[in-house]
Amino acid sequence: MSFLDNLENNLKALESQEDAAATRESQHKERERQRANAQAVAPFAEELKRGPYTAELLKQTTRVGHEHRTKINIAWLGTTLRLEARGRRLELRPTPKGIETVYVDGGSERAEPLDLKGSPEQLLRAWLKSQDESAAD
């Protein structure tokens, strides 16, 4: 191996080490950002999982779904509570600023803040009513 070949190999090795260091640094920053976000979301996630609003919402889901003759599937996905009926979803997502109500229809999403002092039954009825109206269109 000639001197130039050896020099070229050394330069390539140094470049790859620099790239790896930059990648590790960006991964570290991303993990720190995710950790900070998880800490900010934690109190709202706990309230969503264990709070009285959610307990009442789950109770009303069965009753209101039965009245509308609609099976409403309930699932916890991490810290998100998902209700799904007729191909549409209602998700309660904790965020650093509070809990959001996210209406998902096909590919579109509409989010608004959730009032934990409000009525879970009214939330469900409004969501199912909007489904009935768009089904009639």
Protein backbone atom coordinates (compact mmCIF):
# COMPACT_ATOMS: atom_id res chain seq x y z
CA MET A 1 0.00 0.00 0.00
CA SER A 2 1.39 3.36 -0.95
CA PHE A 3 1.65 6.41 1.25
CA LEU A 4 -1.19 8.15 -0.63
CA ASP A 5 -3.52 5.17 -0.30
CA ASN A 6 -2.78 5.02 3.41
CA LEU A 7 -3.40 8.76 3.78
CA GLU A 8 -6.68 8.50 1.88
CA ASN A 9 -7.87 5.64 4.10
CA ASN A 10 -7.00 7.62 7.22
CA LEU A 11 -8.94 10.64 5.98
CA LYS A 12 -11.99 8.50 5.19
CA ALA A 13 -11.81 6.96 8.66
CA LEU A 14 -11.68 10.40 10.27
CA GLU A 15 -14.66 11.61 8.23
CA SER A 16 -16.72 8.59 9.20
CA GLN A 17 -15.82 9.13 12.87
CA GLU A 18 -16.97 12.76 12.63
CA ASP A 19 -20.22 11.68 10.96
CA ALA A 20 -20.80 9.08 13.67
CA ALA A 21 -20.14 11.66 16.39
CA ALA A 22 -22.59 14.09 14.81
CA THR A 23 -25.20 11.35 14.54
CA ARG A 24 -24.73 10.38 18.20
CA GLU A 25 -25.05 14.02 19.23
CA SER A 26 -28.29 14.49 17.28
CA GLN A 27 -29.69 11.25 18.71
CA HIS A 28 -28.78 12.41 22.21
CA LYS A 29 -30.54 15.76 21.67
CA GLU A 30 -33.62 13.96 20.30
CA ARG A 31 -33.75 11.65 23.35
CA GLU A 32 -33.45 14.66 25.66
CA ARG A 33 -36.26 16.43 23.82
CA GLN A 34 -38.49 13.35 24.04
CA ARG A 35 -37.70 12.96 27.74
CA ALA A 36 -38.56 16.61 28.46
CA ASN A 37 -41.80 16.25 26.51
CA ALA A 38 -42.72 13.07 28.42
CA GLN A 39 -42.12 14.83 31.73
CA ALA A 40 -44.30 17.77 30.67
CA VAL A 41 -47.09 15.43 29.52
CA ALA A 42 -46.96 13.11 32.57
CA PRO A 43 -49.40 14.96 34.89
CA PHE A 44 -52.01 15.24 32.15
CA ALA A 45 -51.52 11.61 31.11
CA GLU A 46 -52.05 10.53 34.72
CA GLU A 47 -55.21 12.63 34.98
CA LEU A 48 -56.50 11.09 31.76
CA LYS A 49 -55.80 7.52 32.90
CA ARG A 50 -57.06 7.78 36.47
CA GLY A 51 -59.36 10.80 36.59
CA PRO A 52 -63.11 10.83 37.13
CA TYR A 53 -63.74 12.35 33.68
CA THR A 54 -62.32 9.29 31.94
CA ALA A 55 -64.21 6.87 34.18
CA GLU A 56 -67.47 8.63 33.37
CA LEU A 57 -66.55 8.81 29.66
CA LEU A 58 -66.00 5.05 29.49
CA LYS A 59 -69.29 4.41 31.29
CA GLN A 60 -71.18 6.75 28.96
CA THR A 61 -69.47 5.28 25.87
CA THR A 62 -71.27 1.98 26.31
CA ARG A 63 -74.64 3.57 27.08
CA VAL A 64 -74.59 6.19 24.31
CA GLY A 65 -73.21 3.72 21.78
CA HIS A 66 -76.06 1.33 22.58
CA GLU A 67 -78.61 4.13 22.10
CA HIS A 68 -77.14 4.91 18.68
CA ARG A 69 -76.85 1.20 17.84
CA THR A 70 -73.16 1.69 17.27
CA LYS A 71 -70.27 -0.37 18.55
CA ILE A 72 -67.65 1.99 19.94
CA ASN A 73 -64.24 0.38 20.26
CA ILE A 74 -62.09 1.63 23.12
CA ALA A 75 -58.29 1.38 23.15
CA TRP A 76 -55.41 2.83 25.11
CA LEU A 77 -52.42 3.56 22.87
CA GLY A 78 -49.67 4.63 25.22
CA THR A 79 -51.12 7.69 26.94
CA THR A 80 -53.81 8.28 24.29
CA LEU A 81 -57.40 7.10 24.75
CA ARG A 82 -58.94 6.21 21.40
CA LEU A 83 -62.64 5.71 20.70
CA GLU A 84 -63.50 4.38 17.27
CA ALA A 85 -66.87 3.97 15.59
CA ARG A 86 -67.88 3.68 11.95
CA GLY A 87 -64.35 4.25 10.71
CA ARG A 88 -63.91 7.51 12.62
CA ARG A 89 -61.91 8.17 15.73
CA LEU A 90 -62.08 10.38 18.76
CA GLU A 91 -58.76 10.56 20.58
CA LEU A 92 -57.94 12.14 23.91
CA ARG A 93 -54.25 13.02 23.82
CA PRO A 94 -52.29 14.50 26.70
CA THR A 95 -49.97 17.33 25.66
CA PRO A 96 -47.67 19.62 27.65
CA LYS A 97 -50.47 22.23 27.70
CA GLY A 98 -53.33 19.91 28.70
CA ILE A 99 -55.49 17.23 27.13
CA GLU A 100 -56.64 17.61 23.53
CA THR A 101 -59.72 16.15 21.94
CA VAL A 102 -58.74 15.09 18.43
CA TYR A 103 -61.39 14.20 15.86
CA VAL A 104 -59.94 11.98 13.13
CA ASP A 105 -61.93 11.43 9.95
CA GLY A 106 -60.05 9.71 7.15
CA GLY A 107 -56.83 11.65 6.76
CA SER A 108 -57.98 14.87 8.41
CA GLU A 109 -57.62 15.77 12.07
CA ARG A 110 -59.23 18.51 14.10
CA ALA A 111 -58.01 19.19 17.63
CA GLU A 112 -59.45 21.25 20.44
CA PRO A 113 -58.75 21.45 24.18
CA LEU A 114 -60.70 19.11 26.44
CA ASP A 115 -62.67 20.59 29.33
CA LEU A 116 -62.35 18.06 32.15
CA LYS A 117 -65.17 19.80 33.97
CA GLY A 118 -67.52 19.32 31.03
CA SER A 119 -69.86 16.45 30.30
CA PRO A 120 -68.38 13.29 28.72
CA GLU A 121 -71.87 12.39 27.53
CA GLN A 122 -72.18 15.64 25.56
CA LEU A 123 -68.77 15.03 23.98
CA LEU A 124 -69.83 11.56 22.85
CA ARG A 125 -73.21 12.68 21.57
CA ALA A 126 -71.67 15.55 19.58
CA TRP A 127 -69.07 13.17 18.09
CA LEU A 128 -71.67 10.56 17.11
CA LYS A 129 -74.03 13.26 15.81
CA SER A 130 -71.31 14.59 13.53
CA GLN A 131 -70.83 11.05 12.23
CA ASP A 132 -74.55 10.65 11.57
CA GLU A 133 -74.66 13.97 9.71
CA SER A 134 -71.73 13.16 7.47
CA ALA A 135 -73.11 9.69 6.80
CA ALA A 136 -76.33 11.32 5.55
CA ASP A 137 -74.35 13.53 3.10
